[in-house]
C-alpha cells in the first residue's frame, strides 16, 4: 500500500515538473529571466504578413471609386444583366431536355400480339390520359402505360389497373417530361 502511495506521489511530481514553464538561466535573477524569455502575444508586429494593395487610378483611399473620375463606359455591367444572361442559357438548355427518370406501369408481358393489343385498347378505354407503349423484343411483347414523374402518381393508377391485370407492376423508366406533367 505504501509503495502505491509513493508511486502516485512520484507521478505527480514528474507531471508537475513537466508542466512548469521553462526558465532560461543566464546567471541573472529568475524574475527578470522569465519576463524576457516569454514573448507577449500582443507585442508582435504582423504588418509584414498583411497583403498590400496598389491603389487604382480613380479610386480613393477608402476603396470606393470617385464618380467624377470614372467614365460611364468603364462602369461594370449590372448584376441583373449578367443574371439574366445566365438564366437565359439555363432556360434554353432545359428546353432541350425531353426525358427524365420516372415510372411506368407494366401491364402485360407475353408472346401473344393480340393480348398486347387488347391491353393497349383497355388502357385507351379505361384511362385515356395514360399513354400505352408496346415494345417487342423477340419473342416477348411488353405493354407499359403512363409517364409518371414520381412514384406516388404511379401508385394511384396502379391500384386501379391491378384489378384488371393482376400481374401488373411499377417499373422505373425514362419518361417524357411533357406527358408526365399532364398526368394527374
N, C-alpha and C. Protein backbone atom coordinates (compact mmCIF):
# COMPACT_ATOMS: atom_id res chain seq x y z
N UNK A 1 0.82 -1.18 0.00
CA UNK A 1 0.00 0.00 0.00
C UNK A 1 0.87 1.25 0.00
N UNK A 2 1.97 1.16 0.76
CA UNK A 2 2.87 2.30 0.86
C UNK A 2 3.59 2.50 -0.48
N UNK A 3 3.86 1.43 -1.20
CA UNK A 3 4.51 1.54 -2.49
C UNK A 3 3.63 2.29 -3.48
N UNK A 4 2.34 2.01 -3.46
CA UNK A 4 1.41 2.66 -4.37
C UNK A 4 1.35 4.15 -4.09
N UNK A 5 1.31 4.54 -2.82
CA UNK A 5 1.26 5.97 -2.50
C UNK A 5 2.55 6.67 -2.93
N UNK A 6 3.72 6.00 -2.78
CA UNK A 6 4.98 6.59 -3.25
C UNK A 6 4.97 6.72 -4.78
N UNK A 7 4.43 5.73 -5.42
CA UNK A 7 4.38 5.75 -6.89
C UNK A 7 3.49 6.89 -7.38
N UNK A 8 2.33 7.07 -6.76
CA UNK A 8 1.42 8.15 -7.13
C UNK A 8 2.07 9.49 -6.85
N UNK A 9 2.75 9.63 -5.75
CA UNK A 9 3.45 10.88 -5.42
C UNK A 9 4.55 11.15 -6.43
N UNK A 10 5.26 10.13 -6.83
CA UNK A 10 6.33 10.27 -7.82
C UNK A 10 5.76 10.73 -9.17
N UNK A 11 4.60 10.15 -9.59
CA UNK A 11 3.97 10.55 -10.85
C UNK A 11 3.50 12.00 -10.80
N UNK A 12 2.98 12.43 -9.66
CA UNK A 12 2.52 13.81 -9.53
C UNK A 12 3.68 14.79 -9.62
N UNK A 13 4.81 14.45 -9.04
CA UNK A 13 5.99 15.32 -9.09
C UNK A 13 6.49 15.42 -10.53
N UNK A 14 6.56 14.30 -11.24
CA UNK A 14 7.02 14.32 -12.63
C UNK A 14 6.06 15.12 -13.49
N UNK A 15 4.77 14.93 -13.28
CA UNK A 15 3.78 15.68 -14.04
C UNK A 15 3.89 17.18 -13.76
N UNK A 16 4.08 17.55 -12.51
CA UNK A 16 4.21 18.97 -12.14
C UNK A 16 5.45 19.59 -12.74
N UNK A 17 6.56 18.87 -12.79
CA UNK A 17 7.79 19.40 -13.36
C UNK A 17 7.67 19.52 -14.87
N UNK A 18 7.00 18.57 -15.50
CA UNK A 18 6.86 18.60 -16.95
C UNK A 18 5.97 19.74 -17.40
N UNK A 19 5.02 20.14 -16.59
CA UNK A 19 4.08 21.19 -16.97
C UNK A 19 4.56 22.58 -16.56
N UNK A 20 5.60 22.69 -15.82
CA UNK A 20 6.05 24.02 -15.39
C UNK A 20 6.76 24.72 -16.55
N UNK A 21 6.69 26.09 -16.60
CA UNK A 21 7.34 26.82 -17.69
C UNK A 21 8.86 26.73 -17.56
N UNK A 22 9.52 26.67 -18.70
CA UNK A 22 10.98 26.58 -18.69
C UNK A 22 11.55 27.97 -18.48
N UNK A 23 12.56 28.05 -17.67
CA UNK A 23 13.19 29.32 -17.35
C UNK A 23 14.60 29.31 -17.92
N UNK A 24 14.92 30.36 -18.67
CA UNK A 24 16.27 30.47 -19.23
C UNK A 24 17.18 31.01 -18.14
N UNK A 25 18.20 30.29 -17.85
CA UNK A 25 19.13 30.72 -16.81
C UNK A 25 20.38 31.26 -17.48
N UNK A 26 20.57 32.55 -17.31
CA UNK A 26 21.77 33.18 -17.86
C UNK A 26 22.58 33.81 -16.75
N UNK A 27 22.35 33.42 -15.56
CA UNK A 27 23.08 33.96 -14.42
C UNK A 27 22.38 35.14 -13.79
N UNK A 28 21.28 35.60 -14.36
CA UNK A 28 20.54 36.72 -13.79
C UNK A 28 19.46 36.18 -12.87
N UNK A 29 18.76 37.05 -12.21
CA UNK A 29 17.70 36.61 -11.31
C UNK A 29 16.57 35.97 -12.12
N UNK A 30 15.86 35.06 -11.50
CA UNK A 30 14.82 34.32 -12.21
C UNK A 30 13.65 35.20 -12.61
N UNK A 31 13.36 36.23 -11.88
CA UNK A 31 12.22 37.09 -12.21
C UNK A 31 12.47 37.83 -13.50
N UNK A 32 13.67 38.34 -13.73
CA UNK A 32 13.94 39.08 -14.96
C UNK A 32 14.09 38.13 -16.13
N UNK A 33 14.54 36.88 -15.88
CA UNK A 33 14.73 35.92 -16.97
C UNK A 33 13.38 35.47 -17.52
N UNK A 34 12.38 35.31 -16.68
CA UNK A 34 11.09 34.84 -17.17
C UNK A 34 10.38 35.91 -17.97
N UNK A 35 10.51 37.15 -17.61
CA UNK A 35 9.83 38.21 -18.36
C UNK A 35 10.48 38.42 -19.71
N UNK A 36 11.78 38.19 -19.83
CA UNK A 36 12.44 38.40 -21.11
C UNK A 36 12.26 37.22 -22.05
N UNK A 37 12.15 36.01 -21.53
CA UNK A 37 12.10 34.83 -22.39
C UNK A 37 10.71 34.54 -22.94
N UNK A 38 9.64 34.95 -22.25
CA UNK A 38 8.29 34.68 -22.74
C UNK A 38 7.77 35.91 -23.47
N UNK A 39 7.61 35.81 -24.77
CA UNK A 39 7.10 36.97 -25.51
C UNK A 39 5.60 37.14 -25.28
N UNK A 40 5.16 38.36 -25.29
CA UNK A 40 3.74 38.66 -25.16
C UNK A 40 3.12 38.61 -26.55
N UNK A 41 1.94 38.03 -26.66
CA UNK A 41 1.32 37.84 -27.97
C UNK A 41 0.91 39.16 -28.61
N UNK A 42 0.69 40.23 -27.84
CA UNK A 42 0.27 41.50 -28.39
C UNK A 42 1.43 42.34 -28.90
N UNK A 43 2.67 41.93 -28.59
CA UNK A 43 3.83 42.72 -28.99
C UNK A 43 4.30 42.42 -30.41
N UNK A 44 3.77 41.41 -31.04
CA UNK A 44 4.25 41.04 -32.36
C UNK A 44 3.68 41.95 -33.42
N UNK A 45 4.50 42.31 -34.38
CA UNK A 45 4.09 43.16 -35.49
C UNK A 45 3.78 42.27 -36.68
N UNK A 46 2.52 42.21 -37.07
CA UNK A 46 2.09 41.35 -38.16
C UNK A 46 1.93 42.10 -39.48
N UNK A 47 2.39 43.32 -39.55
CA UNK A 47 2.25 44.13 -40.76
C UNK A 47 2.99 43.50 -41.94
N UNK A 48 3.98 42.72 -41.68
CA UNK A 48 4.76 42.10 -42.75
C UNK A 48 3.92 41.08 -43.51
N UNK A 49 2.98 40.46 -42.82
CA UNK A 49 2.17 39.40 -43.41
C UNK A 49 0.90 39.91 -44.07
N UNK A 50 0.53 41.14 -43.86
CA UNK A 50 -0.69 41.68 -44.44
C UNK A 50 -0.48 41.96 -45.92
N UNK A 51 -1.51 41.71 -46.75
CA UNK A 51 -1.36 41.98 -48.19
C UNK A 51 -1.34 43.48 -48.44
N UNK A 52 -0.60 43.86 -49.45
CA UNK A 52 -0.51 45.27 -49.83
C UNK A 52 -1.25 45.45 -51.15
N UNK A 53 -2.12 46.43 -51.21
CA UNK A 53 -2.92 46.70 -52.39
C UNK A 53 -2.45 48.00 -53.02
N UNK A 54 -2.34 47.96 -54.33
CA UNK A 54 -2.00 49.18 -55.06
C UNK A 54 -3.29 49.91 -55.38
N UNK A 55 -3.26 51.19 -55.20
CA UNK A 55 -4.45 51.99 -55.44
C UNK A 55 -4.61 52.18 -56.94
N UNK A 56 -5.81 51.86 -57.46
CA UNK A 56 -6.09 52.02 -58.88
C UNK A 56 -6.39 53.48 -59.16
N UNK A 57 -6.08 53.94 -60.38
CA UNK A 57 -6.42 55.32 -60.70
C UNK A 57 -7.94 55.50 -60.69
N UNK A 58 -8.38 56.55 -60.07
CA UNK A 58 -9.81 56.82 -59.97
C UNK A 58 -10.42 56.31 -58.68
N UNK A 59 -9.63 55.70 -57.83
CA UNK A 59 -10.15 55.21 -56.56
C UNK A 59 -9.58 56.03 -55.42
N UNK A 60 -10.37 56.19 -54.41
CA UNK A 60 -9.90 56.91 -53.24
C UNK A 60 -9.27 55.91 -52.28
N UNK A 61 -8.77 56.38 -51.16
CA UNK A 61 -8.11 55.52 -50.18
C UNK A 61 -9.11 54.55 -49.56
N UNK A 62 -10.36 54.91 -49.46
CA UNK A 62 -11.36 54.04 -48.83
C UNK A 62 -11.73 52.86 -49.73
N UNK A 63 -11.29 52.85 -50.99
CA UNK A 63 -11.56 51.73 -51.87
C UNK A 63 -12.75 51.94 -52.78
N UNK A 64 -13.48 53.02 -52.62
CA UNK A 64 -14.63 53.30 -53.47
C UNK A 64 -14.20 54.22 -54.60
N UNK A 65 -14.75 53.99 -55.75
CA UNK A 65 -14.38 54.78 -56.92
C UNK A 65 -15.02 56.16 -56.84
N UNK A 66 -14.27 57.16 -57.27
CA UNK A 66 -14.81 58.51 -57.36
C UNK A 66 -15.69 58.57 -58.60
N UNK A 67 -16.93 58.98 -58.48
CA UNK A 67 -17.80 59.02 -59.65
C UNK A 67 -17.37 60.08 -60.66
N UNK A 68 -16.64 61.09 -60.21
CA UNK A 68 -16.21 62.15 -61.12
C UNK A 68 -15.10 61.65 -62.03
N UNK A 69 -14.24 60.75 -61.55
CA UNK A 69 -13.07 60.33 -62.31
C UNK A 69 -13.33 59.12 -63.21
N UNK A 70 -14.40 58.35 -62.96
CA UNK A 70 -14.67 57.15 -63.74
C UNK A 70 -15.66 57.46 -64.84
N UNK A 71 -15.34 57.00 -66.06
CA UNK A 71 -16.25 57.19 -67.19
C UNK A 71 -17.43 56.25 -67.07
N UNK A 72 -18.54 56.62 -67.69
CA UNK A 72 -19.73 55.77 -67.66
C UNK A 72 -19.48 54.45 -68.38
N UNK A 73 -18.65 54.47 -69.43
CA UNK A 73 -18.39 53.24 -70.19
C UNK A 73 -17.53 52.26 -69.41
N UNK A 74 -16.78 52.72 -68.42
CA UNK A 74 -15.91 51.85 -67.62
C UNK A 74 -16.63 51.22 -66.44
N UNK A 75 -17.86 51.63 -66.15
CA UNK A 75 -18.58 51.06 -65.03
C UNK A 75 -18.92 49.60 -65.34
N UNK A 76 -18.87 48.74 -64.33
CA UNK A 76 -19.15 47.32 -64.58
C UNK A 76 -20.60 47.09 -64.97
N UNK A 77 -20.83 46.01 -65.72
CA UNK A 77 -22.18 45.66 -66.13
C UNK A 77 -23.00 45.32 -64.88
N UNK A 78 -24.23 45.71 -64.86
CA UNK A 78 -25.08 45.49 -63.70
C UNK A 78 -25.27 43.99 -63.46
N UNK A 79 -25.47 43.61 -62.22
CA UNK A 79 -25.63 42.22 -61.84
C UNK A 79 -26.88 41.63 -62.48
N UNK A 80 -27.93 42.41 -62.58
CA UNK A 80 -29.18 41.91 -63.16
C UNK A 80 -28.98 41.49 -64.61
N UNK A 81 -28.21 42.25 -65.36
CA UNK A 81 -27.97 41.90 -66.76
C UNK A 81 -27.18 40.60 -66.87
N UNK A 82 -26.19 40.43 -66.01
CA UNK A 82 -25.41 39.18 -66.01
C UNK A 82 -26.29 38.01 -65.62
N UNK A 83 -27.12 38.21 -64.61
CA UNK A 83 -28.01 37.16 -64.14
C UNK A 83 -29.01 36.76 -65.21
N UNK A 84 -29.56 37.75 -65.92
CA UNK A 84 -30.50 37.45 -67.00
C UNK A 84 -29.84 36.62 -68.09
N UNK A 85 -28.60 36.94 -68.41
CA UNK A 85 -27.89 36.18 -69.45
C UNK A 85 -27.69 34.73 -69.01
N UNK A 86 -27.32 34.52 -67.77
CA UNK A 86 -27.11 33.16 -67.27
C UNK A 86 -28.42 32.39 -67.23
N UNK A 87 -29.48 33.05 -66.77
CA UNK A 87 -30.78 32.38 -66.71
C UNK A 87 -31.31 32.03 -68.09
N UNK A 88 -31.04 32.86 -69.08
CA UNK A 88 -31.46 32.54 -70.45
C UNK A 88 -30.75 31.31 -70.98
N UNK A 89 -29.46 31.18 -70.70
CA UNK A 89 -28.74 29.99 -71.17
C UNK A 89 -29.25 28.73 -70.46
N UNK A 90 -29.54 28.84 -69.18
CA UNK A 90 -30.08 27.69 -68.44
C UNK A 90 -31.45 27.30 -68.98
N UNK A 91 -32.29 28.29 -69.29
CA UNK A 91 -33.62 28.01 -69.81
C UNK A 91 -33.55 27.35 -71.17
N UNK A 92 -32.62 27.79 -72.01
CA UNK A 92 -32.51 27.17 -73.33
C UNK A 92 -32.00 25.73 -73.22
N UNK A 93 -31.11 25.46 -72.28
CA UNK A 93 -30.66 24.08 -72.07
C UNK A 93 -31.80 23.20 -71.56
N UNK A 94 -32.60 23.75 -70.66
CA UNK A 94 -33.71 22.96 -70.09
C UNK A 94 -34.78 22.64 -71.12
N UNK A 95 -34.95 23.52 -72.13
CA UNK A 95 -35.93 23.24 -73.16
C UNK A 95 -35.52 22.05 -74.02
N UNK A 96 -34.23 21.82 -74.13
CA UNK A 96 -33.73 20.71 -74.93
C UNK A 96 -33.87 19.36 -74.22
N UNK A 97 -34.10 19.36 -72.92
CA UNK A 97 -34.25 18.11 -72.17
C UNK A 97 -35.67 17.62 -72.34
N UNK A 98 -35.83 16.43 -72.92
CA UNK A 98 -37.16 15.89 -73.18
C UNK A 98 -37.51 14.74 -72.25
N UNK A 99 -36.51 14.01 -71.77
CA UNK A 99 -36.77 12.82 -70.97
C UNK A 99 -36.19 12.97 -69.57
N UNK A 100 -36.83 12.28 -68.63
CA UNK A 100 -36.36 12.29 -67.25
C UNK A 100 -36.59 10.89 -66.66
N UNK A 101 -35.96 10.62 -65.56
CA UNK A 101 -36.20 9.35 -64.86
C UNK A 101 -37.56 9.40 -64.20
N UNK A 102 -38.35 8.37 -64.44
CA UNK A 102 -39.69 8.31 -63.88
C UNK A 102 -40.14 6.88 -63.76
N UNK A 103 -41.47 6.67 -63.88
CA UNK A 103 -42.04 5.34 -63.69
C UNK A 103 -43.12 5.07 -64.73
N UNK A 104 -43.25 3.80 -65.09
CA UNK A 104 -44.34 3.32 -65.94
C UNK A 104 -44.89 2.05 -65.31
N UNK A 105 -46.15 1.77 -65.62
CA UNK A 105 -46.78 0.56 -65.11
C UNK A 105 -46.79 -0.47 -66.24
N UNK A 106 -46.14 -1.58 -66.00
CA UNK A 106 -46.13 -2.66 -66.99
C UNK A 106 -47.35 -3.54 -66.74
N UNK A 107 -48.25 -3.62 -67.76
CA UNK A 107 -49.50 -4.37 -67.55
C UNK A 107 -49.51 -5.71 -68.25
N UNK A 108 -48.67 -5.88 -69.27
CA UNK A 108 -48.68 -7.16 -69.98
C UNK A 108 -47.27 -7.53 -70.41
N UNK A 109 -46.95 -8.81 -70.25
CA UNK A 109 -45.72 -9.40 -70.78
C UNK A 109 -46.10 -10.77 -71.31
N UNK A 110 -45.87 -11.00 -72.61
CA UNK A 110 -46.21 -12.31 -73.16
C UNK A 110 -45.86 -12.42 -74.63
N UNK A 111 -46.19 -13.58 -75.21
CA UNK A 111 -45.85 -13.87 -76.60
C UNK A 111 -46.97 -13.54 -77.57
N UNK A 112 -48.16 -13.26 -77.07
CA UNK A 112 -49.33 -13.07 -77.93
C UNK A 112 -49.52 -11.60 -78.28
N UNK A 113 -49.49 -11.30 -79.59
CA UNK A 113 -49.66 -9.92 -80.04
C UNK A 113 -51.08 -9.44 -79.80
N UNK A 114 -52.07 -10.33 -79.96
CA UNK A 114 -53.46 -9.93 -79.76
C UNK A 114 -53.71 -9.53 -78.30
N UNK A 115 -53.14 -10.23 -77.37
CA UNK A 115 -53.30 -9.88 -75.95
C UNK A 115 -52.62 -8.54 -75.65
N UNK A 116 -51.50 -8.28 -76.29
CA UNK A 116 -50.82 -6.99 -76.10
C UNK A 116 -51.67 -5.86 -76.65
N UNK A 117 -52.30 -6.08 -77.82
CA UNK A 117 -53.19 -5.06 -78.39
C UNK A 117 -54.42 -4.86 -77.52
N UNK A 118 -54.94 -5.94 -76.95
CA UNK A 118 -56.10 -5.82 -76.05
C UNK A 118 -55.74 -4.99 -74.82
N UNK A 119 -54.54 -5.17 -74.29
CA UNK A 119 -54.10 -4.38 -73.14
C UNK A 119 -53.99 -2.90 -73.52
N UNK A 120 -53.54 -2.66 -74.72
CA UNK A 120 -53.43 -1.27 -75.20
C UNK A 120 -54.81 -0.64 -75.34
N UNK A 121 -55.77 -1.39 -75.90
CA UNK A 121 -57.14 -0.90 -76.05
C UNK A 121 -57.78 -0.66 -74.68
N UNK A 122 -57.53 -1.57 -73.74
CA UNK A 122 -58.04 -1.40 -72.37
C UNK A 122 -57.56 -0.07 -71.78
N UNK A 123 -56.28 0.25 -72.01
CA UNK A 123 -55.73 1.49 -71.48
C UNK A 123 -56.41 2.70 -72.11
N UNK A 124 -56.61 2.65 -73.43
CA UNK A 124 -57.28 3.78 -74.11
C UNK A 124 -58.70 3.97 -73.59
N UNK A 125 -59.39 2.89 -73.32
CA UNK A 125 -60.79 2.99 -72.90
C UNK A 125 -60.92 3.36 -71.41
N UNK A 126 -60.10 2.75 -70.56
CA UNK A 126 -60.24 2.96 -69.12
C UNK A 126 -59.51 4.21 -68.63
N UNK A 127 -58.35 4.46 -69.20
CA UNK A 127 -57.52 5.59 -68.75
C UNK A 127 -57.03 6.37 -69.97
N UNK A 128 -57.86 7.23 -70.54
CA UNK A 128 -57.45 7.95 -71.76
C UNK A 128 -56.28 8.93 -71.53
N UNK A 129 -56.06 9.32 -70.29
CA UNK A 129 -54.96 10.26 -70.00
C UNK A 129 -53.59 9.58 -69.97
N UNK A 130 -53.58 8.23 -69.90
CA UNK A 130 -52.32 7.48 -69.89
C UNK A 130 -51.98 7.02 -71.30
N UNK A 131 -50.72 7.14 -71.65
CA UNK A 131 -50.26 6.71 -72.96
C UNK A 131 -49.70 5.29 -72.87
N UNK A 132 -50.21 4.36 -73.71
CA UNK A 132 -49.66 3.00 -73.69
C UNK A 132 -48.44 2.90 -74.63
N UNK A 133 -47.50 2.06 -74.26
CA UNK A 133 -46.30 1.83 -75.07
C UNK A 133 -46.13 0.33 -75.22
N UNK A 134 -46.05 -0.13 -76.48
CA UNK A 134 -45.81 -1.54 -76.74
C UNK A 134 -44.38 -1.69 -77.23
N UNK A 135 -43.65 -2.60 -76.61
CA UNK A 135 -42.29 -2.90 -77.08
C UNK A 135 -42.22 -4.39 -77.40
N UNK A 136 -41.44 -4.71 -78.41
CA UNK A 136 -41.30 -6.10 -78.83
C UNK A 136 -39.83 -6.45 -78.88
N UNK A 137 -39.45 -7.41 -78.05
CA UNK A 137 -38.13 -8.00 -78.08
C UNK A 137 -38.36 -9.47 -78.30
N UNK A 138 -37.97 -9.94 -79.46
CA UNK A 138 -38.33 -11.28 -79.89
C UNK A 138 -38.10 -12.31 -78.81
N UNK A 139 -39.04 -13.05 -78.42
CA UNK A 139 -40.43 -13.25 -78.83
C UNK A 139 -41.43 -12.63 -77.86
N UNK A 140 -41.03 -11.62 -77.08
CA UNK A 140 -41.86 -11.12 -75.99
C UNK A 140 -42.40 -9.73 -76.30
N UNK A 141 -43.72 -9.57 -76.08
CA UNK A 141 -44.38 -8.26 -76.16
C UNK A 141 -44.52 -7.72 -74.75
N UNK A 142 -44.25 -6.42 -74.59
CA UNK A 142 -44.44 -5.77 -73.29
C UNK A 142 -45.30 -4.53 -73.51
N UNK A 143 -46.28 -4.35 -72.63
CA UNK A 143 -47.12 -3.16 -72.69
C UNK A 143 -46.94 -2.39 -71.39
N UNK A 144 -46.48 -1.14 -71.53
CA UNK A 144 -46.31 -0.26 -70.37
C UNK A 144 -47.20 0.96 -70.58
N UNK A 145 -47.74 1.47 -69.50
CA UNK A 145 -48.63 2.63 -69.60
C UNK A 145 -48.16 3.73 -68.66
N UNK A 146 -48.40 4.98 -69.09
CA UNK A 146 -48.16 6.14 -68.24
C UNK A 146 -46.78 6.73 -68.36
N UNK A 147 -46.70 7.98 -68.00
CA UNK A 147 -45.45 8.73 -67.88
C UNK A 147 -45.50 9.43 -66.53
N UNK A 148 -45.07 8.74 -65.49
CA UNK A 148 -45.17 9.27 -64.13
C UNK A 148 -43.81 9.79 -63.70
N UNK A 149 -43.77 11.03 -63.25
CA UNK A 149 -42.51 11.62 -62.79
C UNK A 149 -42.17 11.18 -61.37
N UNK A 150 -43.17 10.87 -60.57
CA UNK A 150 -42.90 10.35 -59.22
C UNK A 150 -43.73 9.10 -58.96
N UNK A 151 -43.29 8.34 -58.03
CA UNK A 151 -43.90 7.02 -57.77
C UNK A 151 -45.31 7.15 -57.19
N UNK A 152 -45.59 8.20 -56.46
CA UNK A 152 -46.91 8.37 -55.85
C UNK A 152 -48.01 8.44 -56.91
N UNK A 153 -47.75 9.14 -58.02
CA UNK A 153 -48.73 9.21 -59.10
C UNK A 153 -48.95 7.82 -59.71
N UNK A 154 -47.86 7.08 -59.86
CA UNK A 154 -47.98 5.73 -60.42
C UNK A 154 -48.77 4.82 -59.48
N UNK A 155 -48.60 4.98 -58.19
CA UNK A 155 -49.31 4.15 -57.21
C UNK A 155 -50.83 4.35 -57.30
N UNK A 156 -51.26 5.57 -57.58
CA UNK A 156 -52.71 5.85 -57.67
C UNK A 156 -53.36 5.03 -58.79
N UNK A 157 -52.71 5.04 -59.95
CA UNK A 157 -53.26 4.29 -61.08
C UNK A 157 -53.01 2.79 -60.93
N UNK A 158 -51.93 2.44 -60.26
CA UNK A 158 -51.56 1.03 -60.12
C UNK A 158 -52.65 0.22 -59.42
N UNK A 159 -53.24 0.77 -58.39
CA UNK A 159 -54.29 0.03 -57.66
C UNK A 159 -55.51 -0.22 -58.55
N UNK A 160 -55.84 0.71 -59.44
CA UNK A 160 -56.99 0.52 -60.34
C UNK A 160 -56.66 -0.49 -61.44
N UNK A 161 -55.44 -0.42 -61.97
CA UNK A 161 -55.04 -1.31 -63.05
C UNK A 161 -54.87 -2.74 -62.53
N UNK A 162 -54.44 -2.87 -61.30
CA UNK A 162 -54.20 -4.19 -60.69
C UNK A 162 -55.46 -5.05 -60.65
N UNK A 163 -56.63 -4.40 -60.60
CA UNK A 163 -57.89 -5.15 -60.60
C UNK A 163 -58.08 -5.91 -61.91
N UNK A 164 -57.71 -5.30 -63.04
CA UNK A 164 -57.88 -5.95 -64.34
C UNK A 164 -56.68 -6.78 -64.74
N UNK A 165 -55.49 -6.33 -64.36
CA UNK A 165 -54.24 -7.03 -64.70
C UNK A 165 -53.48 -7.31 -63.41
N UNK A 166 -53.70 -8.47 -62.80
CA UNK A 166 -53.07 -8.76 -61.50
C UNK A 166 -51.55 -8.92 -61.57
N UNK A 167 -50.99 -9.12 -62.75
CA UNK A 167 -49.53 -9.27 -62.86
C UNK A 167 -48.85 -7.92 -63.12
N UNK A 168 -49.60 -6.83 -63.07
CA UNK A 168 -49.02 -5.51 -63.34
C UNK A 168 -48.00 -5.15 -62.27
N UNK A 169 -47.04 -4.34 -62.68
CA UNK A 169 -46.01 -3.88 -61.74
C UNK A 169 -45.49 -2.50 -62.16
N UNK A 170 -45.00 -1.75 -61.18
CA UNK A 170 -44.43 -0.42 -61.44
C UNK A 170 -42.94 -0.59 -61.67
N UNK A 171 -42.46 -0.02 -62.79
CA UNK A 171 -41.05 -0.12 -63.14
C UNK A 171 -40.45 1.26 -63.38
N UNK A 172 -39.21 1.46 -62.97
CA UNK A 172 -38.54 2.72 -63.31
C UNK A 172 -38.22 2.75 -64.80
N UNK A 173 -38.37 3.92 -65.42
CA UNK A 173 -38.17 4.03 -66.86
C UNK A 173 -37.90 5.50 -67.21
N UNK A 174 -37.42 5.72 -68.41
CA UNK A 174 -37.27 7.09 -68.92
C UNK A 174 -38.64 7.52 -69.44
N UNK A 175 -39.11 8.68 -68.99
CA UNK A 175 -40.43 9.16 -69.40
C UNK A 175 -40.29 10.54 -70.03
N UNK A 176 -41.27 10.87 -70.86
CA UNK A 176 -41.30 12.19 -71.47
C UNK A 176 -41.83 13.19 -70.44
N UNK A 177 -41.12 14.28 -70.28
CA UNK A 177 -41.46 15.25 -69.24
C UNK A 177 -42.81 15.91 -69.52
N UNK A 178 -43.06 16.29 -70.77
CA UNK A 178 -44.32 16.98 -71.09
C UNK A 178 -45.53 16.09 -70.82
N UNK A 179 -45.44 14.83 -71.19
CA UNK A 179 -46.55 13.91 -70.93
C UNK A 179 -46.68 13.61 -69.44
N UNK A 180 -45.55 13.57 -68.75
CA UNK A 180 -45.58 13.32 -67.32
C UNK A 180 -46.23 14.44 -66.54
N UNK A 181 -46.11 15.66 -67.03
CA UNK A 181 -46.73 16.78 -66.34
C UNK A 181 -48.24 16.82 -66.57
N UNK A 182 -48.72 16.19 -67.65
CA UNK A 182 -50.15 16.18 -67.94
C UNK A 182 -50.90 15.15 -67.11
N UNK A 183 -50.23 14.11 -66.64
CA UNK A 183 -50.88 13.07 -65.85
C UNK A 183 -51.13 13.57 -64.45
N UNK A 184 -52.39 13.44 -63.99
CA UNK A 184 -52.71 13.87 -62.63
C UNK A 184 -53.53 12.84 -61.93
